[in-house]
Amino acid sequence: LEQAAELVTILEPIFPNEAQYAVPFAFRVRWRMK
């Protein structure tokens, strides 16, 4: 997971949308529900 996080951190400033592909399911995401 840490190795993946390092890659995502590198990709996000350059490819903010595509960097999401490298995020594993174990990481948290925030969403709202009404």
PDB file of all heavy atoms in Angstrom:
ATOM      1  N   LEU A   1       0.824  -1.207   0.000  1.00  0.00           N
ATOM      2  CA  LEU A   1       0.000   0.000   0.000  1.00  0.00           C
ATOM      3  C   LEU A   1       0.860   1.260   0.000  1.00  0.00           C
ATOM      4  O   LEU A   1       0.553   2.239  -0.700  1.00  0.00           O
ATOM      5  CB  LEU A   1      -0.930   0.004   1.217  1.00  0.00           C
ATOM      6  CG  LEU A   1      -1.982  -1.109   1.293  1.00  0.00           C
ATOM      7  CD1 LEU A   1      -2.817  -0.943   2.555  1.00  0.00           C
ATOM      8  CD2 LEU A   1      -2.874  -1.123   0.058  1.00  0.00           C
ATOM      9  N   GLU A   2       1.918   1.250   0.762  1.00  0.00           N
ATOM     10  CA  GLU A   2       2.804   2.418   0.827  1.00  0.00           C
ATOM     11  C   GLU A   2       3.465   2.661  -0.530  1.00  0.00           C
ATOM     12  O   GLU A   2       3.641   3.817  -0.951  1.00  0.00           O
ATOM     13  CB  GLU A   2       3.861   2.208   1.911  1.00  0.00           C
ATOM     14  CG  GLU A   2       3.315   2.207   3.332  1.00  0.00           C
ATOM     15  CD  GLU A   2       2.909   3.587   3.813  1.00  0.00           C
ATOM     16  OE1 GLU A   2       3.137   4.568   3.076  1.00  0.00           O
ATOM     17  OE2 GLU A   2       2.354   3.686   4.926  1.00  0.00           O
ATOM     18  N   GLN A   3       3.844   1.600  -1.197  1.00  0.00           N
ATOM     19  CA  GLN A   3       4.441   1.746  -2.527  1.00  0.00           C
ATOM     20  C   GLN A   3       3.431   2.375  -3.495  1.00  0.00           C
ATOM     21  O   GLN A   3       3.781   3.245  -4.297  1.00  0.00           O
ATOM     22  CB  GLN A   3       4.903   0.391  -3.053  1.00  0.00           C
ATOM     23  CG  GLN A   3       5.679   0.467  -4.372  1.00  0.00           C
ATOM     24  CD  GLN A   3       5.988  -0.904  -4.930  1.00  0.00           C
ATOM     25  OE1 GLN A   3       5.123  -1.789  -4.936  1.00  0.00           O
ATOM     26  NE2 GLN A   3       7.209  -1.094  -5.408  1.00  0.00           N
ATOM     27  N   ALA A   4       2.164   1.935  -3.404  1.00  0.00           N
ATOM     28  CA  ALA A   4       1.123   2.515  -4.254  1.00  0.00           C
ATOM     29  C   ALA A   4       0.885   3.980  -3.914  1.00  0.00           C
ATOM     30  O   ALA A   4       0.702   4.821  -4.806  1.00  0.00           O
ATOM     31  CB  ALA A   4      -0.169   1.714  -4.109  1.00  0.00           C
ATOM     32  N   ALA A   5       0.883   4.301  -2.610  1.00  0.00           N
ATOM     33  CA  ALA A   5       0.676   5.682  -2.191  1.00  0.00           C
ATOM     34  C   ALA A   5       1.761   6.598  -2.741  1.00  0.00           C
ATOM     35  O   ALA A   5       1.485   7.736  -3.150  1.00  0.00           O
ATOM     36  CB  ALA A   5       0.637   5.761  -0.669  1.00  0.00           C
ATOM     37  N   GLU A   6       2.997   6.106  -2.761  1.00  0.00           N
ATOM     38  CA  GLU A   6       4.105   6.902  -3.310  1.00  0.00           C
ATOM     39  C   GLU A   6       3.870   7.204  -4.786  1.00  0.00           C
ATOM     40  O   GLU A   6       4.088   8.328  -5.252  1.00  0.00           O
ATOM     41  CB  GLU A   6       5.415   6.139  -3.115  1.00  0.00           C
ATOM     42  CG  GLU A   6       6.646   6.895  -3.612  1.00  0.00           C
ATOM     43  CD  GLU A   6       7.917   6.103  -3.408  1.00  0.00           C
ATOM     44  OE1 GLU A   6       7.886   5.076  -2.702  1.00  0.00           O
ATOM     45  OE2 GLU A   6       8.963   6.517  -3.964  1.00  0.00           O
ATOM     46  N   LEU A   7       3.408   6.200  -5.533  1.00  0.00           N
ATOM     47  CA  LEU A   7       3.144   6.411  -6.955  1.00  0.00           C
ATOM     48  C   LEU A   7       2.010   7.406  -7.158  1.00  0.00           C
ATOM     49  O   LEU A   7       2.114   8.317  -7.995  1.00  0.00           O
ATOM     50  CB  LEU A   7       2.795   5.073  -7.618  1.00  0.00           C
ATOM     51  CG  LEU A   7       2.279   5.148  -9.058  1.00  0.00           C
ATOM     52  CD1 LEU A   7       3.344   5.723  -9.987  1.00  0.00           C
ATOM     53  CD2 LEU A   7       1.809   3.783  -9.538  1.00  0.00           C
ATOM     54  N   VAL A   8       0.928   7.252  -6.405  1.00  0.00           N
ATOM     55  CA  VAL A   8      -0.208   8.157  -6.556  1.00  0.00           C
ATOM     56  C   VAL A   8       0.212   9.591  -6.245  1.00  0.00           C
ATOM     57  O   VAL A   8      -0.187  10.535  -6.949  1.00  0.00           O
ATOM     58  CB  VAL A   8      -1.369   7.721  -5.634  1.00  0.00           C
ATOM     59  CG1 VAL A   8      -2.493   8.755  -5.648  1.00  0.00           C
ATOM     60  CG2 VAL A   8      -1.906   6.355  -6.054  1.00  0.00           C
ATOM     61  N   THR A   9       1.014   9.776  -5.225  1.00  0.00           N
ATOM     62  CA  THR A   9       1.480  11.105  -4.846  1.00  0.00           C
ATOM     63  C   THR A   9       2.295  11.743  -5.970  1.00  0.00           C
ATOM     64  O   THR A   9       2.232  12.961  -6.197  1.00  0.00           O
ATOM     65  CB  THR A   9       2.314  11.031  -3.557  1.00  0.00           C
ATOM     66  OG1 THR A   9       1.523  10.427  -2.518  1.00  0.00           O
ATOM     67  CG2 THR A   9       2.747  12.414  -3.101  1.00  0.00           C
ATOM     68  N   ILE A  10       3.057  10.940  -6.686  1.00  0.00           N
ATOM     69  CA  ILE A  10       3.833  11.446  -7.821  1.00  0.00           C
ATOM     70  C   ILE A  10       2.920  11.785  -9.000  1.00  0.00           C
ATOM     71  O   ILE A  10       3.105  12.805  -9.687  1.00  0.00           O
ATOM     72  CB  ILE A  10       4.890  10.397  -8.249  1.00  0.00           C
ATOM     73  CG1 ILE A  10       5.939  10.220  -7.151  1.00  0.00           C
ATOM     74  CG2 ILE A  10       5.550  10.799  -9.564  1.00  0.00           C
ATOM     75  CD1 ILE A  10       6.895   9.067  -7.406  1.00  0.00           C
ATOM     76  N   LEU A  11       1.926  10.946  -9.247  1.00  0.00           N
ATOM     77  CA  LEU A  11       1.067  11.116 -10.423  1.00  0.00           C
ATOM     78  C   LEU A  11       0.066  12.256 -10.276  1.00  0.00           C
ATOM     79  O   LEU A  11      -0.267  12.927 -11.270  1.00  0.00           O
ATOM     80  CB  LEU A  11       0.313   9.816 -10.713  1.00  0.00           C
ATOM     81  CG  LEU A  11       1.117   8.612 -11.208  1.00  0.00           C
ATOM     82  CD1 LEU A  11       0.212   7.398 -11.331  1.00  0.00           C
ATOM     83  CD2 LEU A  11       1.776   8.924 -12.553  1.00  0.00           C
ATOM     84  N   GLU A  12      -0.453  12.475  -9.080  1.00  0.00           N
ATOM     85  CA  GLU A  12      -1.572  13.412  -8.906  1.00  0.00           C
ATOM     86  C   GLU A  12      -1.320  14.817  -9.437  1.00  0.00           C
ATOM     87  O   GLU A  12      -2.200  15.383 -10.096  1.00  0.00           O
ATOM     88  CB  GLU A  12      -1.979  13.465  -7.429  1.00  0.00           C
ATOM     89  CG  GLU A  12      -2.883  12.314  -7.013  1.00  0.00           C
ATOM     90  CD  GLU A  12      -3.334  12.395  -5.567  1.00  0.00           C
ATOM     91  OE1 GLU A  12      -2.629  13.034  -4.754  1.00  0.00           O
ATOM     92  OE2 GLU A  12      -4.391  11.819  -5.250  1.00  0.00           O
ATOM     93  N   PRO A  13      -0.154  15.425  -9.210  1.00  0.00           N
ATOM     94  CA  PRO A  13       0.037  16.787  -9.740  1.00  0.00           C
ATOM     95  C   PRO A  13       0.054  16.837 -11.275  1.00  0.00           C
ATOM     96  O   PRO A  13      -0.273  17.877 -11.858  1.00  0.00           O
ATOM     97  CB  PRO A  13       1.402  17.194  -9.161  1.00  0.00           C
ATOM     98  CG  PRO A  13       1.637  16.275  -8.013  1.00  0.00           C
ATOM     99  CD  PRO A  13       0.997  14.988  -8.396  1.00  0.00           C
ATOM    100  N   ILE A  14       0.429  15.733 -11.914  1.00  0.00           N
ATOM    101  CA  ILE A  14       0.562  15.715 -13.368  1.00  0.00           C
ATOM    102  C   ILE A  14      -0.676  15.133 -14.034  1.00  0.00           C
ATOM    103  O   ILE A  14      -1.185  15.660 -15.022  1.00  0.00           O
ATOM    104  CB  ILE A  14       1.811  14.898 -13.768  1.00  0.00           C
ATOM    105  CG1 ILE A  14       3.031  15.390 -12.991  1.00  0.00           C
ATOM    106  CG2 ILE A  14       2.056  14.984 -15.279  1.00  0.00           C
ATOM    107  CD1 ILE A  14       4.204  14.448 -13.033  1.00  0.00           C
ATOM    108  N   PHE A  15      -1.164  14.045 -13.498  1.00  0.00           N
ATOM    109  CA  PHE A  15      -2.341  13.355 -14.039  1.00  0.00           C
ATOM    110  C   PHE A  15      -3.371  13.170 -12.915  1.00  0.00           C
ATOM    111  O   PHE A  15      -3.554  12.066 -12.392  1.00  0.00           O
ATOM    112  CB  PHE A  15      -1.938  11.985 -14.605  1.00  0.00           C
ATOM    113  CG  PHE A  15      -0.853  12.022 -15.631  1.00  0.00           C
ATOM    114  CD1 PHE A  15       0.345  11.338 -15.417  1.00  0.00           C
ATOM    115  CD2 PHE A  15      -1.013  12.732 -16.816  1.00  0.00           C
ATOM    116  CE1 PHE A  15       1.352  11.361 -16.362  1.00  0.00           C
ATOM    117  CE2 PHE A  15      -0.001  12.754 -17.772  1.00  0.00           C
ATOM    118  CZ  PHE A  15       1.183  12.072 -17.548  1.00  0.00           C
ATOM    119  N   PRO A  16      -4.054  14.249 -12.515  1.00  0.00           N
ATOM    120  CA  PRO A  16      -4.942  14.163 -11.354  1.00  0.00           C
ATOM    121  C   PRO A  16      -6.093  13.170 -11.536  1.00  0.00           C
ATOM    122  O   PRO A  16      -6.525  12.559 -10.550  1.00  0.00           O
ATOM    123  CB  PRO A  16      -5.465  15.592 -11.196  1.00  0.00           C
ATOM    124  CG  PRO A  16      -5.243  16.235 -12.527  1.00  0.00           C
ATOM    125  CD  PRO A  16      -4.023  15.595 -13.100  1.00  0.00           C
ATOM    126  N   ASN A  17      -6.584  13.023 -12.740  1.00  0.00           N
ATOM    127  CA  ASN A  17      -7.682  12.080 -12.972  1.00  0.00           C
ATOM    128  C   ASN A  17      -7.171  10.646 -13.080  1.00  0.00           C
ATOM    129  O   ASN A  17      -7.706   9.722 -12.463  1.00  0.00           O
ATOM    130  CB  ASN A  17      -8.444  12.461 -14.235  1.00  0.00           C
ATOM    131  CG  ASN A  17      -9.131  13.808 -14.114  1.00  0.00           C
ATOM    132  OD1 ASN A  17      -9.849  14.063 -13.151  1.00  0.00           O
ATOM    133  ND2 ASN A  17      -8.909  14.682 -15.079  1.00  0.00           N
ATOM    134  N   GLU A  18      -6.129  10.453 -13.856  1.00  0.00           N
ATOM    135  CA  GLU A  18      -5.605   9.114 -14.107  1.00  0.00           C
ATOM    136  C   GLU A  18      -4.933   8.523 -12.870  1.00  0.00           C
ATOM    137  O   GLU A  18      -4.862   7.291 -12.727  1.00  0.00           O
ATOM    138  CB  GLU A  18      -4.624   9.139 -15.269  1.00  0.00           C
ATOM    139  CG  GLU A  18      -5.254   9.441 -16.623  1.00  0.00           C
ATOM    140  CD  GLU A  18      -5.582  10.917 -16.828  1.00  0.00           C
ATOM    141  OE1 GLU A  18      -5.176  11.752 -15.968  1.00  0.00           O
ATOM    142  OE2 GLU A  18      -6.240  11.239 -17.842  1.00  0.00           O
ATOM    143  N   ALA A  19      -4.439   9.366 -11.954  1.00  0.00           N
ATOM    144  CA  ALA A  19      -3.785   8.863 -10.740  1.00  0.00           C
ATOM    145  C   ALA A  19      -4.724   7.999  -9.908  1.00  0.00           C
ATOM    146  O   ALA A  19      -4.273   7.128  -9.151  1.00  0.00           O
ATOM    147  CB  ALA A  19      -3.278  10.034  -9.902  1.00  0.00           C
ATOM    148  N   GLN A  20      -6.028   8.196 -10.067  1.00  0.00           N
ATOM    149  CA  GLN A  20      -7.002   7.438  -9.284  1.00  0.00           C
ATOM    150  C   GLN A  20      -6.934   5.936  -9.563  1.00  0.00           C
ATOM    151  O   GLN A  20      -7.283   5.124  -8.711  1.00  0.00           O
ATOM    152  CB  GLN A  20      -8.418   7.940  -9.575  1.00  0.00           C
ATOM    153  CG  GLN A  20      -8.652   9.390  -9.174  1.00  0.00           C
ATOM    154  CD  GLN A  20     -10.050   9.851  -9.542  1.00  0.00           C
ATOM    155  OE1 GLN A  20     -10.960   9.811  -8.717  1.00  0.00           O
ATOM    156  NE2 GLN A  20     -10.229  10.267 -10.788  1.00  0.00           N
ATOM    157  N   TYR A  21      -6.475   5.557 -10.749  1.00  0.00           N
ATOM    158  CA  TYR A  21      -6.393   4.139 -11.098  1.00  0.00           C
ATOM    159  C   TYR A  21      -5.421   3.391 -10.194  1.00  0.00           C
ATOM    160  O   TYR A  21      -5.555   2.183  -9.993  1.00  0.00           O
ATOM    161  CB  TYR A  21      -5.952   3.981 -12.553  1.00  0.00           C
ATOM    162  CG  TYR A  21      -7.030   4.272 -13.567  1.00  0.00           C
ATOM    163  CD1 TYR A  21      -7.144   5.525 -14.161  1.00  0.00           C
ATOM    164  CD2 TYR A  21      -7.944   3.285 -13.934  1.00  0.00           C
ATOM    165  CE1 TYR A  21      -8.128   5.795 -15.088  1.00  0.00           C
ATOM    166  CE2 TYR A  21      -8.930   3.547 -14.872  1.00  0.00           C
ATOM    167  CZ  TYR A  21      -9.029   4.800 -15.439  1.00  0.00           C
ATOM    168  OH  TYR A  21     -10.005   5.059 -16.361  1.00  0.00           O
ATOM    169  N   ALA A  22      -4.446   4.081  -9.654  1.00  0.00           N
ATOM    170  CA  ALA A  22      -3.412   3.427  -8.848  1.00  0.00           C
ATOM    171  C   ALA A  22      -3.764   3.351  -7.366  1.00  0.00           C
ATOM    172  O   ALA A  22      -2.984   2.821  -6.575  1.00  0.00           O
ATOM    173  CB  ALA A  22      -2.076   4.164  -9.020  1.00  0.00           C
ATOM    174  N   VAL A  23      -4.928   3.851  -6.967  1.00  0.00           N
ATOM    175  CA  VAL A  23      -5.319   3.867  -5.560  1.00  0.00           C
ATOM    176  C   VAL A  23      -5.944   2.524  -5.180  1.00  0.00           C
ATOM    177  O   VAL A  23      -6.941   2.117  -5.757  1.00  0.00           O
ATOM    178  CB  VAL A  23      -6.326   5.000  -5.282  1.00  0.00           C
ATOM    179  CG1 VAL A  23      -6.721   4.999  -3.799  1.00  0.00           C
ATOM    180  CG2 VAL A  23      -5.739   6.355  -5.680  1.00  0.00           C
ATOM    181  N   PRO A  24      -5.373   1.814  -4.208  1.00  0.00           N
ATOM    182  CA  PRO A  24      -5.962   0.539  -3.762  1.00  0.00           C
ATOM    183  C   PRO A  24      -7.230   0.742  -2.936  1.00  0.00           C
ATOM    184  O   PRO A  24      -7.449   1.794  -2.331  1.00  0.00           O
ATOM    185  CB  PRO A  24      -4.848  -0.090  -2.917  1.00  0.00           C
ATOM    186  CG  PRO A  24      -3.593   0.605  -3.339  1.00  0.00           C
ATOM    187  CD  PRO A  24      -4.020   2.001  -3.658  1.00  0.00           C
ATOM    188  N   PHE A  25      -8.037  -0.309  -2.871  1.00  0.00           N
ATOM    189  CA  PHE A  25      -9.315  -0.268  -2.162  1.00  0.00           C
ATOM    190  C   PHE A  25      -9.153   0.013  -0.669  1.00  0.00           C
ATOM    191  O   PHE A  25     -10.104   0.445  -0.013  1.00  0.00           O
ATOM    192  CB  PHE A  25     -10.066  -1.602  -2.294  1.00  0.00           C
ATOM    193  CG  PHE A  25     -10.532  -1.940  -3.675  1.00  0.00           C
ATOM    194  CD1 PHE A  25     -11.150  -3.160  -3.911  1.00  0.00           C
ATOM    195  CD2 PHE A  25     -10.359  -1.073  -4.743  1.00  0.00           C
ATOM    196  CE1 PHE A  25     -11.601  -3.507  -5.173  1.00  0.00           C
ATOM    197  CE2 PHE A  25     -10.805  -1.400  -6.020  1.00  0.00           C
ATOM    198  CZ  PHE A  25     -11.426  -2.628  -6.228  1.00  0.00           C
ATOM    199  N   ALA A  26      -7.997  -0.270  -0.096  1.00  0.00           N
ATOM    200  CA  ALA A  26      -7.811  -0.094   1.350  1.00  0.00           C
ATOM    201  C   ALA A  26      -7.804   1.378   1.747  1.00  0.00           C
ATOM    202  O   ALA A  26      -8.038   1.704   2.924  1.00  0.00           O
ATOM    203  CB  ALA A  26      -6.512  -0.746   1.796  1.00  0.00           C
ATOM    204  N   PHE A  27      -7.541   2.281   0.812  1.00  0.00           N
ATOM    205  CA  PHE A  27      -7.496   3.704   1.137  1.00  0.00           C
ATOM    206  C   PHE A  27      -8.907   4.250   1.296  1.00  0.00           C
ATOM    207  O   PHE A  27      -9.868   3.796   0.676  1.00  0.00           O
ATOM    208  CB  PHE A  27      -6.736   4.475   0.059  1.00  0.00           C
ATOM    209  CG  PHE A  27      -5.247   4.311   0.164  1.00  0.00           C
ATOM    210  CD1 PHE A  27      -4.615   3.245  -0.449  1.00  0.00           C
ATOM    211  CD2 PHE A  27      -4.484   5.194   0.911  1.00  0.00           C
ATOM    212  CE1 PHE A  27      -3.238   3.068  -0.336  1.00  0.00           C
ATOM    213  CE2 PHE A  27      -3.107   5.027   1.028  1.00  0.00           C
ATOM    214  CZ  PHE A  27      -2.488   3.953   0.405  1.00  0.00           C
ATOM    215  N   ARG A  28      -9.011   5.259   2.143  1.00  0.00           N
ATOM    216  CA  ARG A  28     -10.313   5.846   2.432  1.00  0.00           C
ATOM    217  C   ARG A  28     -10.742   6.819   1.337  1.00  0.00           C
ATOM    218  O   ARG A  28      -9.915   7.485   0.723  1.00  0.00           O
ATOM    219  CB  ARG A  28     -10.283   6.573   3.771  1.00  0.00           C
ATOM    220  CG  ARG A  28     -10.012   5.700   4.989  1.00  0.00           C
ATOM    221  CD  ARG A  28     -10.102   6.545   6.250  1.00  0.00           C
ATOM    222  NE  ARG A  28      -9.810   5.803   7.461  1.00  0.00           N
ATOM    223  CZ  ARG A  28      -8.622   5.781   8.064  1.00  0.00           C
ATOM    224  NH1 ARG A  28      -7.611   6.455   7.547  1.00  0.00           N
ATOM    225  NH2 ARG A  28      -8.441   5.100   9.180  1.00  0.00           N
ATOM    226  N   VAL A  29     -12.045   6.921   1.170  1.00  0.00           N
ATOM    227  CA  VAL A  29     -12.645   7.905   0.277  1.00  0.00           C
ATOM    228  C   VAL A  29     -13.770   8.589   1.046  1.00  0.00           C
ATOM    229  O   VAL A  29     -14.396   7.991   1.917  1.00  0.00           O
ATOM    230  CB  VAL A  29     -13.192   7.240  -1.022  1.00  0.00           C
ATOM    231  CG1 VAL A  29     -14.318   6.250  -0.707  1.00  0.00           C
ATOM    232  CG2 VAL A  29     -13.667   8.290  -2.012  1.00  0.00           C
ATOM    233  N   ARG A  30     -14.011   9.839   0.713  1.00  0.00           N
ATOM    234  CA  ARG A  30     -15.073  10.591   1.378  1.00  0.00           C
ATOM    235  C   ARG A  30     -16.247  10.759   0.418  1.00  0.00           C
ATOM    236  O   ARG A  30     -16.059  11.107  -0.753  1.00  0.00           O
ATOM    237  CB  ARG A  30     -14.568  11.960   1.830  1.00  0.00           C
ATOM    238  CG  ARG A  30     -15.581  12.731   2.687  1.00  0.00           C
ATOM    239  CD  ARG A  30     -15.047  14.106   3.079  1.00  0.00           C
ATOM    240  NE  ARG A  30     -13.885  14.022   3.954  1.00  0.00           N
ATOM    241  CZ  ARG A  30     -13.931  13.746   5.258  1.00  0.00           C
ATOM    242  NH1 ARG A  30     -15.094  13.518   5.840  1.00  0.00           N
ATOM    243  NH2 ARG A  30     -12.828  13.705   5.967  1.00  0.00           N
ATOM    244  N   TRP A  31     -17.451  10.507   0.923  1.00  0.00           N
ATOM    245  CA  TRP A  31     -18.632  10.753   0.100  1.00  0.00           C
ATOM    246  C   TRP A  31     -19.800  11.173   0.977  1.00  0.00           C
ATOM    247  O   TRP A  31     -19.814  10.938   2.178  1.00  0.00           O
ATOM    248  CB  TRP A  31     -18.970   9.538  -0.743  1.00  0.00           C
ATOM    249  CG  TRP A  31     -19.650   8.365  -0.086  1.00  0.00           C
ATOM    250  CD1 TRP A  31     -20.991   8.060  -0.104  1.00  0.00           C
ATOM    251  CD2 TRP A  31     -19.037   7.298   0.665  1.00  0.00           C
ATOM    252  NE1 TRP A  31     -21.242   6.882   0.565  1.00  0.00           N
ATOM    253  CE2 TRP A  31     -20.060   6.395   1.047  1.00  0.00           C
ATOM    254  CE3 TRP A  31     -17.721   7.012   1.043  1.00  0.00           C
ATOM    255  CZ2 TRP A  31     -19.817   5.237   1.788  1.00  0.00           C
ATOM    256  CZ3 TRP A  31     -17.468   5.863   1.799  1.00  0.00           C
ATOM    257  CH2 TRP A  31     -18.505   5.000   2.148  1.00  0.00           C
ATOM    258  N   ARG A  32     -20.764  11.830   0.355  1.00  0.00           N
ATOM    259  CA  ARG A  32     -21.964  12.237   1.070  1.00  0.00           C
ATOM    260  C   ARG A  32     -23.144  11.400   0.613  1.00  0.00           C
ATOM    261  O   ARG A  32     -23.203  10.957  -0.538  1.00  0.00           O
ATOM    262  CB  ARG A  32     -22.258  13.731   0.879  1.00  0.00           C
ATOM    263  CG  ARG A  32     -22.686  14.123  -0.523  1.00  0.00           C
ATOM    264  CD  ARG A  32     -22.987  15.616  -0.612  1.00  0.00           C
ATOM    265  NE  ARG A  32     -23.367  15.993  -1.971  1.00  0.00           N
ATOM    266  CZ  ARG A  32     -24.621  16.039  -2.400  1.00  0.00           C
ATOM    267  NH1 ARG A  32     -25.620  15.729  -1.581  1.00  0.00           N
ATOM    268  NH2 ARG A  32     -24.892  16.407  -3.642  1.00  0.00           N
ATOM    269  N   MET A  33     -24.076  11.219   1.520  1.00  0.00           N
ATOM    270  CA  MET A  33     -25.249  10.402   1.240  1.00  0.00           C
ATOM    271  C   MET A  33     -26.470  11.099   1.840  1.00  0.00           C
ATOM    272  O   MET A  33     -26.495  11.402   3.030  1.00  0.00           O
ATOM    273  CB  MET A  33     -25.070   9.010   1.865  1.00  0.00           C
ATOM    274  CG  MET A  33     -26.227   8.058   1.634  1.00  0.00           C
ATOM    275  SD  MET A  33     -26.053   6.513   2.594  1.00  0.00           S
ATOM    276  CE  MET A  33     -24.568   5.809   1.866  1.00  0.00           C
ATOM    277  N   LYS A  34     -27.456  11.376   0.993  1.00  0.00           N
ATOM    278  CA  LYS A  34     -28.710  11.954   1.468  1.00  0.00           C
ATOM    279  C   LYS A  34     -29.826  10.972   1.156  1.00  0.00           C
ATOM    280  O   LYS A  34     -30.000  10.561   0.002  1.00  0.00           O
ATOM    281  CB  LYS A  34     -28.990  13.305   0.804  1.00  0.00           C
ATOM    282  CG  LYS A  34     -30.236  13.993   1.354  1.00  0.00           C
ATOM    283  CD  LYS A  34     -30.370  15.408   0.826  1.00  0.00           C
ATOM    284  CE  LYS A  34     -31.561  16.114   1.479  1.00  0.00           C
ATOM    285  NZ  LYS A  34     -31.671  17.532   1.064  1.00  0.00           N
TER     286      LYS A  34
END
